[in-house]
Amino acid sequence: MKQQLKKGVREIFVLALLSKDDSYGYKLIQDLSDFVEISESTLYPILRRLEKSGQLKTYNDLYQGRNRKYYQITQDGHHAIDSFLEEWKDIKKIYDLLTK
């Protein structure tokens, strides 16, 4: 369960950041590092999974003469965040029970 929970939370972190603004891989790693430890080898498979599931889409933009791939949350990504928040209520109940 520990690995699955971490995986799910990292995906939600990515979606949460992208719900604020579109971003690219390197910046996502920097922004995520304020909350969780994450490397390129962890982030990019998450981005591919989220894109494959339709929760993200990508587009390219030129930055200082170089092509940069940006990630953008989709409506399905917003729904995934909403679902996570609903499920989190149940997890919080368990946490509250264990810590009282």
PDB file of N, CA and C in Angstrom:
ATOM      1  N   MET A   1       0.824  -1.191   0.000  1.00  0.00           N
ATOM      2  CA  MET A   1       0.000   0.000   0.000  1.00  0.00           C
ATOM      3  C   MET A   1       0.870   1.258   0.000  1.00  0.00           C
ATOM      4  N   LYS A   2       1.988   1.203   0.705  1.00  0.00           N
ATOM      5  CA  LYS A   2       2.840   2.376   0.817  1.00  0.00           C
ATOM      6  C   LYS A   2       3.261   2.889  -0.561  1.00  0.00           C
ATOM      7  N   GLN A   3       3.716   2.009  -1.435  1.00  0.00           N
ATOM      8  CA  GLN A   3       4.159   2.411  -2.773  1.00  0.00           C
ATOM      9  C   GLN A   3       2.998   2.970  -3.591  1.00  0.00           C
ATOM     10  N   GLN A   4       1.844   2.310  -3.517  1.00  0.00           N
ATOM     11  CA  GLN A   4       0.683   2.769  -4.272  1.00  0.00           C
ATOM     12  C   GLN A   4       0.226   4.149  -3.791  1.00  0.00           C
ATOM     13  N   LEU A   5       0.255   4.343  -2.468  1.00  0.00           N
ATOM     14  CA  LEU A   5      -0.148   5.633  -1.921  1.00  0.00           C
ATOM     15  C   LEU A   5       0.803   6.731  -2.379  1.00  0.00           C
ATOM     16  N   LYS A   6       2.111   6.452  -2.317  1.00  0.00           N
ATOM     17  CA  LYS A   6       3.097   7.438  -2.770  1.00  0.00           C
ATOM     18  C   LYS A   6       2.898   7.763  -4.240  1.00  0.00           C
ATOM     19  N   LYS A   7       2.684   6.723  -5.042  1.00  0.00           N
ATOM     20  CA  LYS A   7       2.486   6.916  -6.480  1.00  0.00           C
ATOM     21  C   LYS A   7       1.281   7.810  -6.737  1.00  0.00           C
ATOM     22  N   GLY A   8       0.182   7.521  -6.050  1.00  0.00           N
ATOM     23  CA  GLY A   8      -1.027   8.314  -6.235  1.00  0.00           C
ATOM     24  C   GLY A   8      -0.860   9.751  -5.779  1.00  0.00           C
ATOM     25  N   VAL A   9      -0.162   9.938  -4.669  1.00  0.00           N
ATOM     26  CA  VAL A   9       0.035  11.292  -4.148  1.00  0.00           C
ATOM     27  C   VAL A   9       0.935  12.090  -5.082  1.00  0.00           C
ATOM     28  N   ARG A  10       1.967  11.461  -5.610  1.00  0.00           N
ATOM     29  CA  ARG A  10       2.835  12.180  -6.552  1.00  0.00           C
ATOM     30  C   ARG A  10       2.061  12.607  -7.793  1.00  0.00           C
ATOM     31  N   GLU A  11       1.202  11.734  -8.283  1.00  0.00           N
ATOM     32  CA  GLU A  11       0.397  12.095  -9.452  1.00  0.00           C
ATOM     33  C   GLU A  11      -0.520  13.272  -9.142  1.00  0.00           C
ATOM     34  N   ILE A  12      -1.111  13.274  -7.966  1.00  0.00           N
ATOM     35  CA  ILE A  12      -1.985  14.375  -7.573  1.00  0.00           C
ATOM     36  C   ILE A  12      -1.189  15.662  -7.403  1.00  0.00           C
ATOM     37  N   PHE A  13       0.024  15.564  -6.844  1.00  0.00           N
ATOM     38  CA  PHE A  13       0.879  16.753  -6.745  1.00  0.00           C
ATOM     39  C   PHE A  13       1.116  17.356  -8.128  1.00  0.00           C
ATOM     40  N   VAL A  14       1.422  16.506  -9.098  1.00  0.00           N
ATOM     41  CA  VAL A  14       1.674  16.988 -10.460  1.00  0.00           C
ATOM     42  C   VAL A  14       0.418  17.658 -11.011  1.00  0.00           C
ATOM     43  N   LEU A  15      -0.714  16.993 -10.868  1.00  0.00           N
ATOM     44  CA  LEU A  15      -1.963  17.574 -11.361  1.00  0.00           C
ATOM     45  C   LEU A  15      -2.289  18.882 -10.639  1.00  0.00           C
ATOM     46  N   ALA A  16      -2.049  18.918  -9.329  1.00  0.00           N
ATOM     47  CA  ALA A  16      -2.341  20.135  -8.558  1.00  0.00           C
ATOM     48  C   ALA A  16      -1.497  21.308  -9.043  1.00  0.00           C
ATOM     49  N   LEU A  17      -0.208  21.054  -9.276  1.00  0.00           N
ATOM     50  CA  LEU A  17       0.648  22.134  -9.787  1.00  0.00           C
ATOM     51  C   LEU A  17       0.183  22.601 -11.158  1.00  0.00           C
ATOM     52  N   LEU A  18      -0.157  21.650 -11.999  1.00  0.00           N
ATOM     53  CA  LEU A  18      -0.587  22.006 -13.345  1.00  0.00           C
ATOM     54  C   LEU A  18      -1.983  22.634 -13.365  1.00  0.00           C
ATOM     55  N   SER A  19      -2.743  22.442 -12.292  1.00  0.00           N
ATOM     56  CA  SER A  19      -4.054  23.102 -12.239  1.00  0.00           C
ATOM     57  C   SER A  19      -3.883  24.601 -12.010  1.00  0.00           C
ATOM     58  N   LYS A  20      -2.705  25.010 -11.516  1.00  0.00           N
ATOM     59  CA  LYS A  20      -2.418  26.436 -11.303  1.00  0.00           C
ATOM     60  C   LYS A  20      -1.906  27.098 -12.571  1.00  0.00           C
ATOM     61  N   ASP A  21      -1.080  26.351 -13.330  1.00  0.00           N
ATOM     62  CA  ASP A  21      -0.498  26.913 -14.550  1.00  0.00           C
ATOM     63  C   ASP A  21       0.195  25.798 -15.332  1.00  0.00           C
ATOM     64  N   ASP A  22       0.240  25.934 -16.646  1.00  0.00           N
ATOM     65  CA  ASP A  22       0.991  24.983 -17.473  1.00  0.00           C
ATOM     66  C   ASP A  22       2.462  25.059 -17.079  1.00  0.00           C
ATOM     67  N   SER A  23       3.175  23.951 -17.283  1.00  0.00           N
ATOM     68  CA  SER A  23       4.585  23.945 -16.919  1.00  0.00           C
ATOM     69  C   SER A  23       5.331  22.909 -17.742  1.00  0.00           C
ATOM     70  N   TYR A  24       6.640  22.883 -17.570  1.00  0.00           N
ATOM     71  CA  TYR A  24       7.504  21.931 -18.269  1.00  0.00           C
ATOM     72  C   TYR A  24       8.259  21.111 -17.227  1.00  0.00           C
ATOM     73  N   GLY A  25       8.862  20.020 -17.673  1.00  0.00           N
ATOM     74  CA  GLY A  25       9.448  19.040 -16.780  1.00  0.00           C
ATOM     75  C   GLY A  25      10.398  19.582 -15.731  1.00  0.00           C
ATOM     76  N   TYR A  26      11.410  20.319 -16.137  1.00  0.00           N
ATOM     77  CA  TYR A  26      12.414  20.803 -15.193  1.00  0.00           C
ATOM     78  C   TYR A  26      11.786  21.701 -14.125  1.00  0.00           C
ATOM     79  N   LYS A  27      10.889  22.562 -14.524  1.00  0.00           N
ATOM     80  CA  LYS A  27      10.228  23.454 -13.562  1.00  0.00           C
ATOM     81  C   LYS A  27       9.332  22.656 -12.622  1.00  0.00           C
ATOM     82  N   LEU A  28       8.664  21.639 -13.134  1.00  0.00           N
ATOM     83  CA  LEU A  28       7.845  20.795 -12.276  1.00  0.00           C
ATOM     84  C   LEU A  28       8.689  20.136 -11.189  1.00  0.00           C
ATOM     85  N   ILE A  29       9.871  19.648 -11.561  1.00  0.00           N
ATOM     86  CA  ILE A  29      10.754  19.027 -10.571  1.00  0.00           C
ATOM     87  C   ILE A  29      11.132  20.046  -9.502  1.00  0.00           C
ATOM     88  N   GLN A  30      11.476  21.241  -9.918  1.00  0.00           N
ATOM     89  CA  GLN A  30      11.828  22.291  -8.954  1.00  0.00           C
ATOM     90  C   GLN A  30      10.646  22.605  -8.032  1.00  0.00           C
ATOM     91  N   ASP A  31       9.465  22.776  -8.621  1.00  0.00           N
ATOM     92  CA  ASP A  31       8.288  23.126  -7.827  1.00  0.00           C
ATOM     93  C   ASP A  31       7.866  21.990  -6.894  1.00  0.00           C
ATOM     94  N   LEU A  32       7.947  20.763  -7.376  1.00  0.00           N
ATOM     95  CA  LEU A  32       7.565  19.614  -6.560  1.00  0.00           C
ATOM     96  C   LEU A  32       8.537  19.378  -5.412  1.00  0.00           C
ATOM     97  N   SER A  33       9.803  19.730  -5.622  1.00  0.00           N
ATOM     98  CA  SER A  33      10.815  19.453  -4.594  1.00  0.00           C
ATOM     99  C   SER A  33      10.540  20.230  -3.307  1.00  0.00           C
ATOM    100  N   ASP A  34       9.693  21.249  -3.356  1.00  0.00           N
ATOM    101  CA  ASP A  34       9.282  21.943  -2.135  1.00  0.00           C
ATOM    102  C   ASP A  34       8.381  21.058  -1.266  1.00  0.00           C
ATOM    103  N   PHE A  35       7.782  20.026  -1.872  1.00  0.00           N
ATOM    104  CA  PHE A  35       6.809  19.191  -1.166  1.00  0.00           C
ATOM    105  C   PHE A  35       7.240  17.738  -1.030  1.00  0.00           C
ATOM    106  N   VAL A  36       7.773  17.172  -2.106  1.00  0.00           N
ATOM    107  CA  VAL A  36       8.179  15.756  -2.110  1.00  0.00           C
ATOM    108  C   VAL A  36       9.500  15.618  -2.851  1.00  0.00           C
ATOM    109  N   GLU A  37      10.213  14.576  -2.512  1.00  0.00           N
ATOM    110  CA  GLU A  37      11.445  14.281  -3.239  1.00  0.00           C
ATOM    111  C   GLU A  37      11.071  13.578  -4.540  1.00  0.00           C
ATOM    112  N   ILE A  38      11.534  14.132  -5.643  1.00  0.00           N
ATOM    113  CA  ILE A  38      11.191  13.553  -6.944  1.00  0.00           C
ATOM    114  C   ILE A  38      12.340  13.804  -7.920  1.00  0.00           C
ATOM    115  N   SER A  39      12.603  12.818  -8.744  1.00  0.00           N
ATOM    116  CA  SER A  39      13.678  12.926  -9.732  1.00  0.00           C
ATOM    117  C   SER A  39      13.076  12.871 -11.121  1.00  0.00           C
ATOM    118  N   GLU A  40      13.920  13.147 -12.112  1.00  0.00           N
ATOM    119  CA  GLU A  40      13.454  13.056 -13.504  1.00  0.00           C
ATOM    120  C   GLU A  40      12.961  11.650 -13.816  1.00  0.00           C
ATOM    121  N   SER A  41      13.674  10.651 -13.299  1.00  0.00           N
ATOM    122  CA  SER A  41      13.306   9.268 -13.602  1.00  0.00           C
ATOM    123  C   SER A  41      11.979   8.869 -12.951  1.00  0.00           C
ATOM    124  N   THR A  42      11.520   9.645 -11.992  1.00  0.00           N
ATOM    125  CA  THR A  42      10.206   9.423 -11.392  1.00  0.00           C
ATOM    126  C   THR A  42       9.150  10.289 -12.074  1.00  0.00           C
ATOM    127  N   LEU A  43       9.486  11.546 -12.342  1.00  0.00           N
ATOM    128  CA  LEU A  43       8.509  12.480 -12.888  1.00  0.00           C
ATOM    129  C   LEU A  43       8.051  12.117 -14.291  1.00  0.00           C
ATOM    130  N   TYR A  44       8.986  11.836 -15.187  1.00  0.00           N
ATOM    131  CA  TYR A  44       8.588  11.654 -16.586  1.00  0.00           C
ATOM    132  C   TYR A  44       7.672  10.445 -16.816  1.00  0.00           C
ATOM    133  N   PRO A  45       7.872   9.323 -16.113  1.00  0.00           N
ATOM    134  CA  PRO A  45       6.867   8.255 -16.251  1.00  0.00           C
ATOM    135  C   PRO A  45       5.487   8.673 -15.736  1.00  0.00           C
ATOM    136  N   ILE A  46       5.459   9.481 -14.675  1.00  0.00           N
ATOM    137  CA  ILE A  46       4.178   9.996 -14.174  1.00  0.00           C
ATOM    138  C   ILE A  46       3.515  10.858 -15.244  1.00  0.00           C
ATOM    139  N   LEU A  47       4.275  11.759 -15.841  1.00  0.00           N
ATOM    140  CA  LEU A  47       3.724  12.619 -16.892  1.00  0.00           C
ATOM    141  C   LEU A  47       3.202  11.801 -18.065  1.00  0.00           C
ATOM    142  N   ARG A  48       3.952  10.762 -18.459  1.00  0.00           N
ATOM    143  CA  ARG A  48       3.491   9.906 -19.569  1.00  0.00           C
ATOM    144  C   ARG A  48       2.199   9.176 -19.204  1.00  0.00           C
ATOM    145  N   ARG A  49       2.115   8.646 -17.963  1.00  0.00           N
ATOM    146  CA  ARG A  49       0.899   7.954 -17.528  1.00  0.00           C
ATOM    147  C   ARG A  49      -0.294   8.902 -17.522  1.00  0.00           C
ATOM    148  N   LEU A  50      -0.086  10.101 -16.987  1.00  0.00           N
ATOM    149  CA  LEU A  50      -1.179  11.071 -16.930  1.00  0.00           C
ATOM    150  C   LEU A  50      -1.611  11.515 -18.327  1.00  0.00           C
ATOM    151  N   GLU A  51      -0.660  11.646 -19.227  1.00  0.00           N
ATOM    152  CA  GLU A  51      -1.005  12.012 -20.600  1.00  0.00           C
ATOM    153  C   GLU A  51      -1.749  10.868 -21.286  1.00  0.00           C
ATOM    154  N   LYS A  52      -1.258   9.653 -21.093  1.00  0.00           N
ATOM    155  CA  LYS A  52      -1.892   8.487 -21.722  1.00  0.00           C
ATOM    156  C   LYS A  52      -3.330   8.299 -21.227  1.00  0.00           C
ATOM    157  N   SER A  53      -3.567   8.633 -19.958  1.00  0.00           N
ATOM    158  CA  SER A  53      -4.911   8.474 -19.393  1.00  0.00           C
ATOM    159  C   SER A  53      -5.828   9.659 -19.720  1.00  0.00           C
ATOM    160  N   GLY A  54      -5.285  10.670 -20.398  1.00  0.00           N
ATOM    161  CA  GLY A  54      -6.091  11.811 -20.804  1.00  0.00           C
ATOM    162  C   GLY A  54      -6.207  12.903 -19.753  1.00  0.00           C
ATOM    163  N   GLN A  55      -5.425  12.790 -18.684  1.00  0.00           N
ATOM    164  CA  GLN A  55      -5.487  13.795 -17.624  1.00  0.00           C
ATOM    165  C   GLN A  55      -4.579  14.994 -17.902  1.00  0.00           C
ATOM    166  N   LEU A  56      -3.656  14.812 -18.828  1.00  0.00           N
ATOM    167  CA  LEU A  56      -2.771  15.884 -19.279  1.00  0.00           C
ATOM    168  C   LEU A  56      -2.733  15.895 -20.789  1.00  0.00           C
ATOM    169  N   LYS A  57      -2.422  17.056 -21.333  1.00  0.00           N
ATOM    170  CA  LYS A  57      -2.078  17.142 -22.746  1.00  0.00           C
ATOM    171  C   LYS A  57      -0.814  17.984 -22.843  1.00  0.00           C
ATOM    172  N   THR A  58      -0.146  17.899 -23.971  1.00  0.00           N
ATOM    173  CA  THR A  58       1.123  18.607 -24.134  1.00  0.00           C
ATOM    174  C   THR A  58       1.063  19.519 -25.344  1.00  0.00           C
ATOM    175  N   TYR A  59       1.939  20.493 -25.314  1.00  0.00           N
ATOM    176  CA  TYR A  59       2.160  21.344 -26.479  1.00  0.00           C
ATOM    177  C   TYR A  59       3.599  21.834 -26.417  1.00  0.00           C
ATOM    178  N   ASN A  60       4.111  22.233 -27.547  1.00  0.00           N
ATOM    179  CA  ASN A  60       5.489  22.717 -27.631  1.00  0.00           C
ATOM    180  C   ASN A  60       5.494  24.223 -27.841  1.00  0.00           C
ATOM    181  N   ASP A  61       6.500  24.866 -27.257  1.00  0.00           N
ATOM    182  CA  ASP A  61       6.661  26.303 -27.404  1.00  0.00           C
ATOM    183  C   ASP A  61       8.148  26.604 -27.460  1.00  0.00           C
ATOM    184  N   LEU A  62       8.510  27.573 -28.249  1.00  0.00           N
ATOM    185  CA  LEU A  62       9.921  27.969 -28.334  1.00  0.00           C
ATOM    186  C   LEU A  62      10.290  28.849 -27.152  1.00  0.00           C
ATOM    187  N   TYR A  63      11.434  28.540 -26.546  1.00  0.00           N
ATOM    188  CA  TYR A  63      11.965  29.348 -25.460  1.00  0.00           C
ATOM    189  C   TYR A  63      13.456  29.521 -25.719  1.00  0.00           C
ATOM    190  N   GLN A  64      13.891  30.736 -25.923  1.00  0.00           N
ATOM    191  CA  GLN A  64      15.281  31.065 -26.230  1.00  0.00           C
ATOM    192  C   GLN A  64      15.816  30.200 -27.379  1.00  0.00           C
ATOM    193  N   GLY A  65      14.983  30.063 -28.401  1.00  0.00           N
ATOM    194  CA  GLY A  65      15.381  29.343 -29.599  1.00  0.00           C
ATOM    195  C   GLY A  65      15.315  27.831 -29.489  1.00  0.00           C
ATOM    196  N   ARG A  66      14.864  27.318 -28.360  1.00  0.00           N
ATOM    197  CA  ARG A  66      14.770  25.864 -28.174  1.00  0.00           C
ATOM    198  C   ARG A  66      13.317  25.470 -27.954  1.00  0.00           C
ATOM    199  N   ASN A  67      13.011  24.287 -28.410  1.00  0.00           N
ATOM    200  CA  ASN A  67      11.660  23.764 -28.253  1.00  0.00           C
ATOM    201  C   ASN A  67      11.486  23.240 -26.828  1.00  0.00           C
ATOM    202  N   ARG A  68      10.437  23.675 -26.159  1.00  0.00           N
ATOM    203  CA  ARG A  68      10.163  23.227 -24.790  1.00  0.00           C
ATOM    204  C   ARG A  68       8.774  22.589 -24.770  1.00  0.00           C
ATOM    205  N   LYS A  69       8.680  21.401 -24.159  1.00  0.00           N
ATOM    206  CA  LYS A  69       7.418  20.680 -24.064  1.00  0.00           C
ATOM    207  C   LYS A  69       6.703  21.087 -22.778  1.00  0.00           C
ATOM    208  N   TYR A  70       5.490  21.602 -22.935  1.00  0.00           N
ATOM    209  CA  TYR A  70       4.683  22.030 -21.796  1.00  0.00           C
ATOM    210  C   TYR A  70       3.569  21.017 -21.539  1.00  0.00           C
ATOM    211  N   TYR A  71       3.191  20.912 -20.280  1.00  0.00           N
ATOM    212  CA  TYR A  71       2.120  20.019 -19.859  1.00  0.00           C
ATOM    213  C   TYR A  71       0.962  20.874 -19.359  1.00  0.00           C
ATOM    214  N   GLN A  72      -0.236  20.447 -19.722  1.00  0.00           N
ATOM    215  CA  GLN A  72      -1.452  21.184 -19.373  1.00  0.00           C
ATOM    216  C   GLN A  72      -2.488  20.187 -18.857  1.00  0.00           C
ATOM    217  N   ILE A  73      -3.118  20.512 -17.741  1.00  0.00           N
ATOM    218  CA  ILE A  73      -4.139  19.631 -17.177  1.00  0.00           C
ATOM    219  C   ILE A  73      -5.399  19.705 -18.045  1.00  0.00           C
ATOM    220  N   THR A  74      -6.078  18.577 -18.144  1.00  0.00           N
ATOM    221  CA  THR A  74      -7.328  18.505 -18.902  1.00  0.00           C
ATOM    222  C   THR A  74      -8.507  18.432 -17.928  1.00  0.00           C
ATOM    223  N   GLN A  75      -9.701  18.413 -18.474  1.00  0.00           N
ATOM    224  CA  GLN A  75     -10.891  18.268 -17.637  1.00  0.00           C
ATOM    225  C   GLN A  75     -10.834  16.950 -16.860  1.00  0.00           C
ATOM    226  N   ASP A  76     -10.348  15.885 -17.508  1.00  0.00           N
ATOM    227  CA  ASP A  76     -10.200  14.600 -16.808  1.00  0.00           C
ATOM    228  C   ASP A  76      -9.219  14.720 -15.640  1.00  0.00           C
ATOM    229  N   GLY A  77      -8.186  15.530 -15.799  1.00  0.00           N
ATOM    230  CA  GLY A  77      -7.237  15.761 -14.712  1.00  0.00           C
ATOM    231  C   GLY A  77      -7.896  16.478 -13.544  1.00  0.00           C
ATOM    232  N   HIS A  78      -8.737  17.449 -13.858  1.00  0.00           N
ATOM    233  CA  HIS A  78      -9.471  18.145 -12.789  1.00  0.00           C
ATOM    234  C   HIS A  78     -10.421  17.181 -12.071  1.00  0.00           C
ATOM    235  N   HIS A  79     -11.049  16.283 -12.833  1.00  0.00           N
ATOM    236  CA  HIS A  79     -11.933  15.276 -12.228  1.00  0.00           C
ATOM    237  C   HIS A  79     -11.134  14.338 -11.322  1.00  0.00           C
ATOM    238  N   ALA A  80      -9.909  14.004 -11.734  1.00  0.00           N
ATOM    239  CA  ALA A  80      -9.065  13.124 -10.910  1.00  0.00           C
ATOM    240  C   ALA A  80      -8.741  13.795  -9.576  1.00  0.00           C
ATOM    241  N   ILE A  81      -8.476  15.090  -9.602  1.00  0.00           N
ATOM    242  CA  ILE A  81      -8.227  15.824  -8.355  1.00  0.00           C
ATOM    243  C   ILE A  81      -9.472  15.785  -7.471  1.00  0.00           C
ATOM    244  N   ASP A  82     -10.629  16.037  -8.058  1.00  0.00           N
ATOM    245  CA  ASP A  82     -11.878  16.009  -7.286  1.00  0.00           C
ATOM    246  C   ASP A  82     -12.116  14.636  -6.666  1.00  0.00           C
ATOM    247  N   SER A  83     -11.863  13.582  -7.434  1.00  0.00           N
ATOM    248  CA  SER A  83     -12.032  12.214  -6.922  1.00  0.00           C
ATOM    249  C   SER A  83     -11.070  11.927  -5.783  1.00  0.00           C
ATOM    250  N   PHE A  84      -9.832  12.371  -5.944  1.00  0.00           N
ATOM    251  CA  PHE A  84      -8.836  12.178  -4.894  1.00  0.00           C
ATOM    252  C   PHE A  84      -9.282  12.867  -3.606  1.00  0.00           C
ATOM    253  N   LEU A  85      -9.786  14.083  -3.726  1.00  0.00           N
ATOM    254  CA  LEU A  85     -10.219  14.815  -2.535  1.00  0.00           C
ATOM    255  C   LEU A  85     -11.377  14.107  -1.836  1.00  0.00           C
ATOM    256  N   GLU A  86     -12.279  13.495  -2.605  1.00  0.00           N
ATOM    257  CA  GLU A  86     -13.377  12.725  -2.007  1.00  0.00           C
ATOM    258  C   GLU A  86     -12.834  11.497  -1.278  1.00  0.00           C
ATOM    259  N   GLU A  87     -11.911  10.774  -1.921  1.00  0.00           N
ATOM    260  CA  GLU A  87     -11.314   9.593  -1.294  1.00  0.00           C
ATOM    261  C   GLU A  87     -10.498   9.988  -0.067  1.00  0.00           C
ATOM    262  N   TRP A  88      -9.864  11.140  -0.133  1.00  0.00           N
ATOM    263  CA  TRP A  88      -9.025  11.585   0.975  1.00  0.00           C
ATOM    264  C   TRP A  88      -9.836  11.769   2.259  1.00  0.00           C
ATOM    265  N   LYS A  89     -11.105  12.111   2.123  1.00  0.00           N
ATOM    266  CA  LYS A  89     -11.963  12.262   3.302  1.00  0.00           C
ATOM    267  C   LYS A  89     -12.004  10.955   4.096  1.00  0.00           C
ATOM    268  N   ASP A  90     -12.107   9.826   3.393  1.00  0.00           N
ATOM    269  CA  ASP A  90     -12.121   8.524   4.061  1.00  0.00           C
ATOM    270  C   ASP A  90     -10.766   8.216   4.699  1.00  0.00           C
ATOM    271  N   ILE A  91      -9.698   8.533   3.995  1.00  0.00           N
ATOM    272  CA  ILE A  91      -8.360   8.296   4.540  1.00  0.00           C
ATOM    273  C   ILE A  91      -8.155   9.148   5.782  1.00  0.00           C
ATOM    274  N   LYS A  92      -8.636  10.374   5.744  1.00  0.00           N
ATOM    275  CA  LYS A  92      -8.493  11.270   6.897  1.00  0.00           C
ATOM    276  C   LYS A  92      -9.247  10.728   8.104  1.00  0.00           C
ATOM    277  N   LYS A  93     -10.402  10.123   7.882  1.00  0.00           N
ATOM    278  CA  LYS A  93     -11.154   9.524   8.999  1.00  0.00           C
ATOM    279  C   LYS A  93     -10.315   8.431   9.671  1.00  0.00           C
ATOM    280  N   ILE A  94      -9.668   7.608   8.861  1.00  0.00           N
ATOM    281  CA  ILE A  94      -8.822   6.544   9.401  1.00  0.00           C
ATOM    282  C   ILE A  94      -7.650   7.143  10.157  1.00  0.00           C
ATOM    283  N   TYR A  95      -7.036   8.167   9.570  1.00  0.00           N
ATOM    284  CA  TYR A  95      -5.911   8.848  10.221  1.00  0.00           C
ATOM    285  C   TYR A  95      -6.331   9.430  11.556  1.00  0.00           C
ATOM    286  N   ASP A  96      -7.473  10.103  11.575  1.00  0.00           N
ATOM    287  CA  ASP A  96      -7.974  10.695  12.813  1.00  0.00           C
ATOM    288  C   ASP A  96      -8.218   9.623  13.881  1.00  0.00           C
ATOM    289  N   LEU A  97      -8.769   8.489  13.483  1.00  0.00           N
ATOM    290  CA  LEU A  97      -9.010   7.389  14.411  1.00  0.00           C
ATOM    291  C   LEU A  97      -7.690   6.865  14.986  1.00  0.00           C
ATOM    292  N   LEU A  98      -6.697   6.726  14.129  1.00  0.00           N
ATOM    293  CA  LEU A  98      -5.410   6.186  14.576  1.00  0.00           C
ATOM    294  C   LEU A  98      -4.625   7.145  15.461  1.00  0.00           C
ATOM    295  N   THR A  99      -4.834   8.410  15.294  1.00  0.00           N
ATOM    296  CA  THR A  99      -4.026   9.388  16.031  1.00  0.00           C
ATOM    297  C   THR A  99      -4.738   9.934  17.263  1.00  0.00           C
ATOM    298  N   LYS A 100      -5.901   9.417  17.595  1.00  0.00           N
ATOM    299  CA  LYS A 100      -6.621   9.880  18.805  1.00  0.00           C
ATOM    300  C   LYS A 100      -6.346   8.973  19.960  1.00  0.00           C
TER     301      LYS A 100
END
